[in-house]
Amino acid sequence: MTQFDYLRYEPWPLPNKLLKDLERSTHVTQTIISKLDHGQETVALLPGLNPPHWEFGHLIWFHEFWVHRKGAASNPSFLARADALFNSSEMIHDDRWQVQIPSIDILMNYFSNVMERTFAILRSGTLSPEQAYFIQLALYHEDMHNEAFAYMWQSLGYVWPLEQSLGSIQDQQKDLEPRYIHIPQSQFKLGSTPNTGFIFDNEKWQHEVLVPNFSISSHAVSSGEYVEFLRSLNDAGISYVEHQPTYWKKEGDTWFERFFDQWRELDLNAPVRHISAHNAEQYCLWKGVRLPTENELSLLMTSAHEPWQPSSLWEWTSSTFKPFEGFSSDPYQDYSAPWFDSRHRVLKGWSVYTPDYLRRPQFRNFYLPSRSDFFCGFRTCLA
C-alpha cells in the first residue's frame, strides 16, 4: 500500500449524510463551549486536561487545516497565528497554558467561518474522494474532542450541558445473567480492509491471528464487585485509597459517585468506571482472573453466536498499542505513530459520548494505563 491508502476508504458516504453528522457534531461543540460560565475556561495545568478554549481552537484549526488548507501550512489560515496557537503536533501540552488564546467571540467566528465553508461543500451534492476523506477525518476528530470535553467536564465537576447522562446506560442485554463465555481456539481476522468505508491508520491491515481458547466474562466488572475488592483490602488492613475510583466517596456505610457536578448513591449493578488499567489489574490479581488481550476482546465484540453485555465504556485490554505488520501512516501522521511507544494500552468498545458511527469492533482506542479520567472500565478472563 502507499501514502494514498486513504483514497481507498470507500464507499464514500453521501454528502447529505455527512452534512447531518457534521451539523450534529457542530451543535454539540457549540453547546459545550457556549455554556461555560465566565472563568471556567481557566483550569489548572494537569496531564489529562487542556485549557477548554485552547481545545476548542485546536479542533477548529484541525478542520480548517485538512479540509480547506489541504494539509499545507503554506495555505493561509482564516485566523492569524492559528498554526502557532493550535497545532498540537508542534505545541507541547504544558505550553498550551502559556499562549494568549483569542477571545471566545473570535473563536466562535472562526468556528462558524470554517464550518459554513464545509457545509457549502456538502450542500453542493458532489464530493471528490479527497474531500470525502478529509471531511470525515475532521468530523471524527471533532467527535473525539467532544468526548474529551465530556471527561474533562467530569474531571472538573462542571455541569454537562447536553442530554446525554453518564448514568443512562441502556442495557441491550438486561436479562442476560453474568457468566463466563468459553470461546474455543479460533482463527480470527483482526483489523480492517480497504473498500469498507473510513478507517484509521492503526487498523491497517486486516490479518489472521490464532486466538487460543479462553473464557471471558459476559459483563464488565460492576461497581458492587469492585466494592468487594476494596472491602477485602480494608479487611486485610491495607489502605484502599489508591485503588478507589477517582469520583467515589464513602459516607458511613454508603458509597457515592460523582456525575459531573452531582453526587449520587453508587449503583452497585452498573459497570465500574474511571478505573486505570493498573487498578483493574490489581482487581484481577485479587480475583484470580486477568484482563483480556486485544485479540480476545475483539473476538468477543464480533461474536454473533454468544450473547454478551456491552458496558458503554472503553474497556481495557492487556495489549500494548502496537502497529500491525505493514502499518503506514495516513496524512495526519500524528494520529497513531507517536503513540507506538510501548507505554500505551489498547482499549475496545465505546462510551455513551461516542457517536454510533465510531462504535466499530475494529476501532482501536489507546491510553496510558495510569489514566482513569475518561469513561473506561474492564471485563475479565479466567486465568
Protein backbone atom coordinates (compact mmCIF):
# COMPACT_ATOMS: atom_id res chain seq x y z
CA MET A 1 0.00 0.00 0.00
CA THR A 2 1.04 3.62 -0.47
CA GLN A 3 0.61 7.01 1.13
CA PHE A 4 -2.65 7.18 -0.84
CA ASP A 5 -4.27 4.35 1.13
CA TYR A 6 -6.80 6.87 2.40
CA LEU A 7 -8.29 7.19 -1.09
CA ARG A 8 -9.39 3.56 -0.79
CA TYR A 9 -11.64 4.18 2.22
CA GLU A 10 -14.73 3.93 0.10
CA PRO A 11 -17.65 3.62 -0.28
CA TRP A 12 -17.86 7.32 0.49
CA PRO A 13 -20.88 8.49 2.50
CA LEU A 14 -23.48 10.62 0.76
CA PRO A 15 -22.88 14.37 1.19
CA ASN A 16 -26.27 14.77 2.87
CA LYS A 17 -25.36 12.12 5.46
CA LEU A 18 -22.06 13.86 6.20
CA LEU A 19 -23.85 17.19 6.40
CA LYS A 20 -26.26 15.91 9.05
CA ASP A 21 -23.46 14.32 11.06
CA LEU A 22 -21.35 17.47 10.93
CA GLU A 23 -24.30 19.67 11.88
CA ARG A 24 -24.93 17.44 14.91
CA SER A 25 -21.28 17.45 15.95
CA THR A 26 -21.06 21.24 15.47
CA HIS A 27 -24.15 21.73 17.64
CA VAL A 28 -22.59 19.58 20.38
CA THR A 29 -19.34 21.56 20.30
CA GLN A 30 -21.07 24.96 20.31
CA THR A 31 -23.34 23.94 23.19
CA ILE A 32 -20.47 22.68 25.33
CA ILE A 33 -18.34 25.79 24.84
CA SER A 34 -21.12 28.39 24.95
CA LYS A 35 -22.50 27.04 28.24
CA LEU A 36 -19.23 27.56 30.11
CA ASP A 37 -19.62 30.10 32.90
CA HIS A 38 -17.21 33.03 32.89
CA GLY A 39 -13.92 31.91 34.43
CA GLN A 40 -14.47 28.19 33.83
CA GLU A 41 -12.26 28.36 30.77
CA THR A 42 -9.34 28.81 33.19
CA VAL A 43 -8.24 25.42 34.53
CA ALA A 44 -5.27 24.06 36.43
CA LEU A 45 -2.37 22.57 34.49
CA LEU A 46 -3.00 18.81 34.73
CA PRO A 47 -1.82 15.98 32.46
CA GLY A 48 -5.32 14.88 31.40
CA LEU A 49 -6.67 18.37 30.63
CA ASN A 50 -6.34 21.11 28.06
CA PRO A 51 -7.50 24.70 28.54
CA PRO A 52 -11.07 24.41 27.17
CA HIS A 53 -10.77 27.37 24.80
CA TRP A 54 -7.43 26.06 23.53
CA GLU A 55 -9.01 22.67 22.79
CA PHE A 56 -11.88 24.41 21.01
CA GLY A 57 -9.43 26.42 18.89
CA HIS A 58 -7.45 23.28 18.11
CA LEU A 59 -10.41 21.32 16.75
CA ILE A 60 -11.39 24.30 14.53
CA TRP A 61 -7.82 24.63 13.29
CA PHE A 62 -7.59 20.89 12.55
CA HIS A 63 -10.76 21.00 10.46
CA GLU A 64 -9.62 24.07 8.55
CA PHE A 65 -6.09 22.72 8.02
CA TRP A 66 -7.13 19.41 6.46
CA VAL A 67 -10.39 20.34 4.71
CA HIS A 68 -9.75 23.90 3.49
CA ARG A 69 -5.96 24.27 3.53
CA LYS A 70 -5.35 20.78 2.13
CA GLY A 71 -2.85 19.95 4.88
CA ALA A 72 -0.38 22.62 3.70
CA ALA A 73 0.91 25.26 6.12
CA SER A 74 1.72 27.43 3.09
CA ASN A 75 -2.02 27.90 2.53
CA PRO A 76 -3.05 30.74 4.85
CA SER A 77 -5.45 30.26 7.75
CA PHE A 78 -8.61 32.30 8.24
CA LEU A 79 -7.26 33.20 11.70
CA ALA A 80 -3.96 34.99 12.25
CA ARG A 81 -1.32 32.88 14.02
CA ALA A 82 -3.61 29.83 14.10
CA ASP A 83 -0.76 27.46 13.24
CA ALA A 84 1.38 28.76 16.09
CA LEU A 85 -1.51 28.66 18.56
CA PHE A 86 -3.38 25.43 17.84
CA ASN A 87 -1.18 22.85 16.12
CA SER A 88 -0.96 20.12 18.77
CA SER A 89 1.86 18.43 16.86
CA GLU A 90 4.04 21.49 17.40
CA MET A 91 2.86 22.82 20.77
CA ILE A 92 3.69 20.63 23.77
CA HIS A 93 0.99 20.13 26.37
CA ASP A 94 2.24 22.48 29.09
CA ASP A 95 2.79 25.37 26.66
CA ARG A 96 -0.96 25.49 25.98
CA TRP A 97 -1.36 27.34 29.27
CA GLN A 98 1.22 29.97 28.29
CA VAL A 99 -0.18 31.27 24.98
CA GLN A 100 -2.60 34.17 24.57
CA ILE A 101 -5.75 32.47 23.30
CA PRO A 102 -8.07 34.68 21.20
CA SER A 103 -11.34 35.77 22.79
CA ILE A 104 -14.29 33.40 22.69
CA ASP A 105 -16.07 35.72 20.23
CA ILE A 106 -13.14 35.47 17.81
CA LEU A 107 -13.02 31.69 18.22
CA MET A 108 -16.77 31.35 17.64
CA ASN A 109 -16.48 33.42 14.45
CA TYR A 110 -13.55 31.26 13.32
CA PHE A 111 -15.63 28.14 14.02
CA SER A 112 -18.64 29.45 12.09
CA ASN A 113 -16.48 30.52 9.15
CA VAL A 114 -14.78 27.12 8.85
CA MET A 115 -17.94 25.08 9.29
CA GLU A 116 -20.07 27.16 6.93
CA ARG A 117 -17.50 26.64 4.19
CA THR A 118 -17.67 22.89 4.75
CA PHE A 119 -21.46 22.95 4.85
CA ALA A 120 -21.38 24.72 1.46
CA ILE A 121 -19.19 21.95 0.01
CA LEU A 122 -21.57 19.29 1.31
CA ARG A 123 -24.67 21.11 0.09
CA SER A 124 -23.20 21.17 -3.41
CA GLY A 125 -24.02 17.45 -3.54
CA THR A 126 -20.75 16.21 -5.03
CA LEU A 127 -17.51 15.30 -3.31
CA SER A 128 -14.14 14.19 -4.56
CA PRO A 129 -12.58 11.23 -2.72
CA GLU A 130 -10.12 13.65 -1.10
CA GLN A 131 -12.91 15.88 0.16
CA ALA A 132 -14.92 12.91 1.44
CA TYR A 133 -11.90 11.54 3.31
CA PHE A 134 -10.78 14.80 4.90
CA ILE A 135 -14.27 15.90 5.91
CA GLN A 136 -14.75 12.55 7.63
CA LEU A 137 -11.35 12.86 9.30
CA ALA A 138 -12.22 16.34 10.61
CA LEU A 139 -15.69 15.22 11.73
CA TYR A 140 -14.39 12.22 13.67
CA HIS A 141 -11.62 14.32 15.17
CA GLU A 142 -14.24 16.77 16.42
CA ASP A 143 -16.34 13.92 17.80
CA MET A 144 -13.34 12.65 19.76
CA HIS A 145 -12.73 16.10 21.20
CA ASN A 146 -16.40 16.41 22.13
CA GLU A 147 -15.97 13.19 24.09
CA ALA A 148 -12.78 14.61 25.60
CA PHE A 149 -14.79 17.65 26.70
CA ALA A 150 -17.17 15.26 28.50
CA TYR A 151 -14.44 13.60 30.53
CA MET A 152 -12.80 16.99 31.10
CA TRP A 153 -16.09 18.35 32.46
CA GLN A 154 -16.36 15.22 34.63
CA SER A 155 -12.84 15.83 35.97
CA LEU A 156 -13.61 19.47 36.72
CA GLY A 157 -17.05 18.85 38.24
CA TYR A 158 -18.74 21.10 35.67
CA VAL A 159 -22.41 20.85 34.67
CA TRP A 160 -22.78 18.79 31.50
CA PRO A 161 -24.98 20.90 29.19
CA LEU A 162 -26.29 18.14 26.92
CA GLU A 163 -28.90 15.46 27.36
CA GLN A 164 -26.51 12.50 27.44
CA SER A 165 -26.15 11.30 31.01
CA LEU A 166 -23.23 9.36 32.39
CA GLY A 167 -25.69 7.27 34.33
CA SER A 168 -28.09 6.48 31.47
CA ILE A 169 -26.53 3.35 30.03
CA GLN A 170 -29.06 1.37 28.00
CA ASP A 171 -28.96 -2.33 28.80
CA GLN A 172 -29.00 -4.06 25.46
CA GLN A 173 -28.97 -7.47 27.18
CA LYS A 174 -30.50 -6.54 30.52
CA ASP A 175 -31.98 -10.01 31.04
CA LEU A 176 -28.63 -11.70 30.44
CA GLU A 177 -27.19 -13.36 33.54
CA PRO A 178 -23.47 -12.71 34.14
CA ARG A 179 -21.34 -15.70 33.21
CA TYR A 180 -18.08 -16.68 31.60
CA ILE A 181 -18.32 -17.41 27.90
CA HIS A 182 -15.98 -20.14 26.65
CA ILE A 183 -14.61 -19.43 23.18
CA PRO A 184 -12.66 -22.27 21.55
CA GLN A 185 -9.40 -21.75 19.69
CA SER A 186 -10.16 -19.64 16.63
CA GLN A 187 -8.62 -18.12 13.54
CA PHE A 188 -9.70 -14.50 13.73
CA LYS A 189 -9.41 -11.62 11.26
CA LEU A 190 -8.10 -8.57 13.15
CA GLY A 191 -8.05 -5.09 11.64
CA SER A 192 -9.75 -3.52 8.63
CA THR A 193 -9.67 -3.92 4.87
CA PRO A 194 -9.73 -1.37 2.03
CA ASN A 195 -13.05 -0.51 0.41
CA THR A 196 -15.09 -0.96 3.60
CA GLY A 197 -15.51 2.71 4.46
CA PHE A 198 -13.48 5.08 6.61
CA ILE A 199 -10.85 3.57 8.91
CA PHE A 200 -7.98 4.94 10.99
CA ASP A 201 -4.42 4.09 10.05
CA ASN A 202 -3.76 1.88 13.10
CA GLU A 203 -6.41 -0.55 11.77
CA LYS A 204 -4.30 -1.34 8.68
CA TRP A 205 -4.48 -4.02 7.58
CA GLN A 206 -6.70 -6.96 8.34
CA HIS A 207 -4.74 -10.12 9.08
CA GLU A 208 -5.45 -13.52 10.56
CA VAL A 209 -4.46 -14.25 14.13
CA LEU A 210 -4.72 -17.52 16.03
CA VAL A 211 -6.56 -16.96 19.31
CA PRO A 212 -6.15 -19.85 21.80
CA ASN A 213 -9.27 -20.95 23.66
CA PHE A 214 -10.30 -18.63 26.51
CA SER A 215 -13.21 -17.80 28.78
CA ILE A 216 -14.36 -14.19 29.03
CA SER A 217 -16.99 -12.52 31.19
CA SER A 218 -20.29 -11.64 29.53
CA HIS A 219 -20.42 -8.42 31.61
CA ALA A 220 -17.89 -5.80 32.65
CA VAL A 221 -16.92 -5.77 36.32
CA SER A 222 -19.64 -3.99 38.32
CA SER A 223 -19.29 -1.30 40.95
CA GLY A 224 -20.59 -3.80 43.50
CA GLU A 225 -17.86 -6.29 42.61
CA TYR A 226 -15.27 -3.54 42.86
CA VAL A 227 -16.60 -2.53 46.31
CA GLU A 228 -15.96 -6.12 47.43
CA PHE A 229 -12.35 -5.73 46.29
CA LEU A 230 -11.96 -2.52 48.29
CA ARG A 231 -13.59 -4.16 51.31
CA SER A 232 -11.14 -7.06 51.13
CA LEU A 233 -8.21 -4.64 51.19
CA ASN A 234 -9.69 -2.87 54.18
CA ASP A 235 -10.27 -6.19 55.99
CA ALA A 236 -6.63 -7.08 55.37
CA GLY A 237 -5.52 -3.80 56.95
CA ILE A 238 -4.47 -2.34 53.60
CA SER A 239 -5.45 1.21 52.64
CA TYR A 240 -7.72 1.13 49.62
CA VAL A 241 -7.43 4.85 48.88
CA GLU A 242 -5.06 4.45 45.93
CA HIS A 243 -7.37 1.82 44.40
CA GLN A 244 -10.57 3.81 44.96
CA PRO A 245 -12.12 5.27 41.79
CA THR A 246 -11.43 8.99 41.49
CA TYR A 247 -15.05 10.09 41.69
CA TRP A 248 -16.12 7.88 44.61
CA LYS A 249 -16.52 8.78 48.26
CA LYS A 250 -17.84 6.90 51.28
CA GLU A 251 -20.12 8.34 53.95
CA GLY A 252 -20.79 5.88 56.74
CA ASP A 253 -21.52 2.58 55.03
CA THR A 254 -22.74 4.16 51.80
CA TRP A 255 -20.69 4.78 48.68
CA PHE A 256 -21.37 7.73 46.39
CA GLU A 257 -20.19 8.52 42.86
CA ARG A 258 -19.91 11.98 41.33
CA PHE A 259 -21.52 12.52 37.91
CA PHE A 260 -20.20 15.84 36.64
CA ASP A 261 -21.44 18.26 39.34
CA GLN A 262 -23.76 15.89 41.23
CA TRP A 263 -23.12 13.22 43.84
CA ARG A 264 -25.36 10.15 43.61
CA GLU A 265 -25.57 6.96 45.60
CA LEU A 266 -23.45 4.33 43.89
CA ASP A 267 -25.32 1.98 41.56
CA LEU A 268 -23.77 -1.35 42.54
CA ASN A 269 -25.11 -3.06 39.41
CA ALA A 270 -23.63 -0.59 36.93
CA PRO A 271 -20.22 -1.25 35.35
CA VAL A 272 -17.45 0.29 37.44
CA ARG A 273 -15.96 3.24 35.57
CA HIS A 274 -12.98 5.57 35.76
CA ILE A 275 -10.63 2.68 36.56
CA SER A 276 -6.99 2.72 35.47
CA ALA A 277 -5.53 -0.40 33.86
CA HIS A 278 -3.22 -0.68 36.87
CA ASN A 279 -6.14 -0.82 39.31
CA ALA A 280 -8.01 -3.19 37.00
CA GLU A 281 -5.00 -5.49 37.14
CA GLN A 282 -4.91 -5.28 40.95
CA TYR A 283 -8.56 -6.34 41.00
CA CYS A 284 -7.74 -9.24 38.66
CA LEU A 285 -4.85 -10.32 40.87
CA TRP A 286 -7.18 -10.39 43.88
CA LYS A 287 -9.89 -12.26 41.96
CA GLY A 288 -7.57 -14.75 40.29
CA VAL A 289 -8.52 -13.63 36.79
CA ARG A 290 -6.90 -11.47 34.10
CA LEU A 291 -7.61 -8.74 31.58
CA PRO A 292 -8.42 -9.90 28.05
CA THR A 293 -6.00 -9.33 25.21
CA GLU A 294 -6.92 -7.12 22.27
CA ASN A 295 -7.46 -10.24 20.17
CA GLU A 296 -9.78 -11.81 22.76
CA LEU A 297 -11.90 -8.73 23.35
CA SER A 298 -12.11 -8.07 19.60
CA LEU A 299 -13.25 -11.64 19.04
CA LEU A 300 -15.97 -11.29 21.68
CA MET A 301 -17.20 -7.99 20.23
CA THR A 302 -17.57 -9.51 16.76
CA SER A 303 -19.16 -12.73 18.01
CA ALA A 304 -22.58 -13.42 16.53
CA HIS A 305 -23.04 -16.64 18.49
CA GLU A 306 -22.63 -15.72 22.15
CA PRO A 307 -24.75 -13.01 23.83
CA TRP A 308 -22.66 -10.53 25.80
CA GLN A 309 -23.41 -7.28 27.59
CA PRO A 310 -21.87 -4.08 26.20
CA SER A 311 -20.72 -1.82 29.03
CA SER A 312 -20.94 1.52 27.19
CA LEU A 313 -17.38 2.08 28.37
CA TRP A 314 -13.97 1.87 26.78
CA GLU A 315 -12.63 -1.44 28.08
CA TRP A 316 -9.01 -2.07 28.97
CA THR A 317 -7.00 -4.89 27.45
CA SER A 318 -3.61 -6.25 28.47
CA SER A 319 -2.24 -5.50 24.98
CA THR A 320 0.32 -2.80 24.24
CA PHE A 321 -0.70 -0.43 21.46
CA LYS A 322 1.47 -1.53 18.53
CA PRO A 323 1.24 -1.21 14.75
CA PHE A 324 0.02 -4.14 12.72
CA GLU A 325 2.54 -5.57 10.27
CA GLY A 326 2.73 -3.37 7.20
CA PHE A 327 1.44 -0.26 9.00
CA SER A 328 1.83 3.09 7.27
CA SER A 329 0.64 6.48 8.47
CA ASP A 330 -2.20 8.29 6.75
CA PRO A 331 -1.95 12.06 6.03
CA TYR A 332 -2.44 13.01 9.70
CA GLN A 333 0.77 11.26 10.73
CA ASP A 334 0.44 12.02 14.43
CA TYR A 335 -2.79 10.11 14.89
CA SER A 336 -1.15 6.78 15.75
CA ALA A 337 2.58 6.59 15.08
CA PRO A 338 3.83 8.73 18.03
CA TRP A 339 1.93 6.51 20.47
CA PHE A 340 3.56 3.25 19.42
CA ASP A 341 5.91 3.82 22.35
CA SER A 342 5.37 0.55 24.28
CA ARG A 343 3.63 2.56 27.02
CA HIS A 344 0.06 2.92 25.73
CA ARG A 345 -2.60 0.22 26.05
CA VAL A 346 -5.34 -0.78 23.63
CA LEU A 347 -8.97 -0.29 24.65
CA LYS A 348 -12.01 -1.55 22.79
CA GLY A 349 -15.66 -0.55 22.88
CA TRP A 350 -17.21 2.90 23.22
CA SER A 351 -18.73 5.27 25.75
CA VAL A 352 -22.15 6.93 25.81
CA TYR A 353 -20.42 10.00 24.32
CA THR A 354 -19.12 8.13 21.27
CA PRO A 355 -21.23 8.62 18.10
CA ASP A 356 -22.76 5.46 16.67
CA TYR A 357 -20.57 5.52 13.56
CA LEU A 358 -17.40 5.27 15.70
CA ARG A 359 -18.72 2.28 17.65
CA ARG A 360 -16.95 -0.24 15.44
CA PRO A 361 -15.34 -3.51 16.60
CA GLN A 362 -12.23 -2.65 14.56
CA PHE A 363 -11.73 0.72 16.30
CA ARG A 364 -8.59 0.78 18.47
CA ASN A 365 -8.52 3.31 21.27
CA PHE A 366 -5.34 3.82 23.29
CA TYR A 367 -4.35 5.46 26.57
CA LEU A 368 -1.63 5.28 29.18
CA PRO A 369 -2.56 2.53 31.69
CA SER A 370 -2.29 5.02 34.56
CA ARG A 371 -5.21 7.10 33.28
CA SER A 372 -8.74 6.79 34.61
CA ASP A 373 -10.29 10.18 33.84
CA PHE A 374 -12.02 9.07 30.64
CA PHE A 375 -15.02 6.71 30.56
CA CYS A 376 -13.30 3.36 30.96
CA GLY A 377 -13.95 0.03 32.65
CA PHE A 378 -12.96 -3.59 32.19
CA ARG A 379 -14.12 -7.18 31.93
CA THR A 380 -12.11 -10.25 32.83
CA CYS A 381 -10.96 -13.60 31.52
CA LEU A 382 -10.42 -16.76 33.52
CA ALA A 383 -6.70 -17.09 34.14
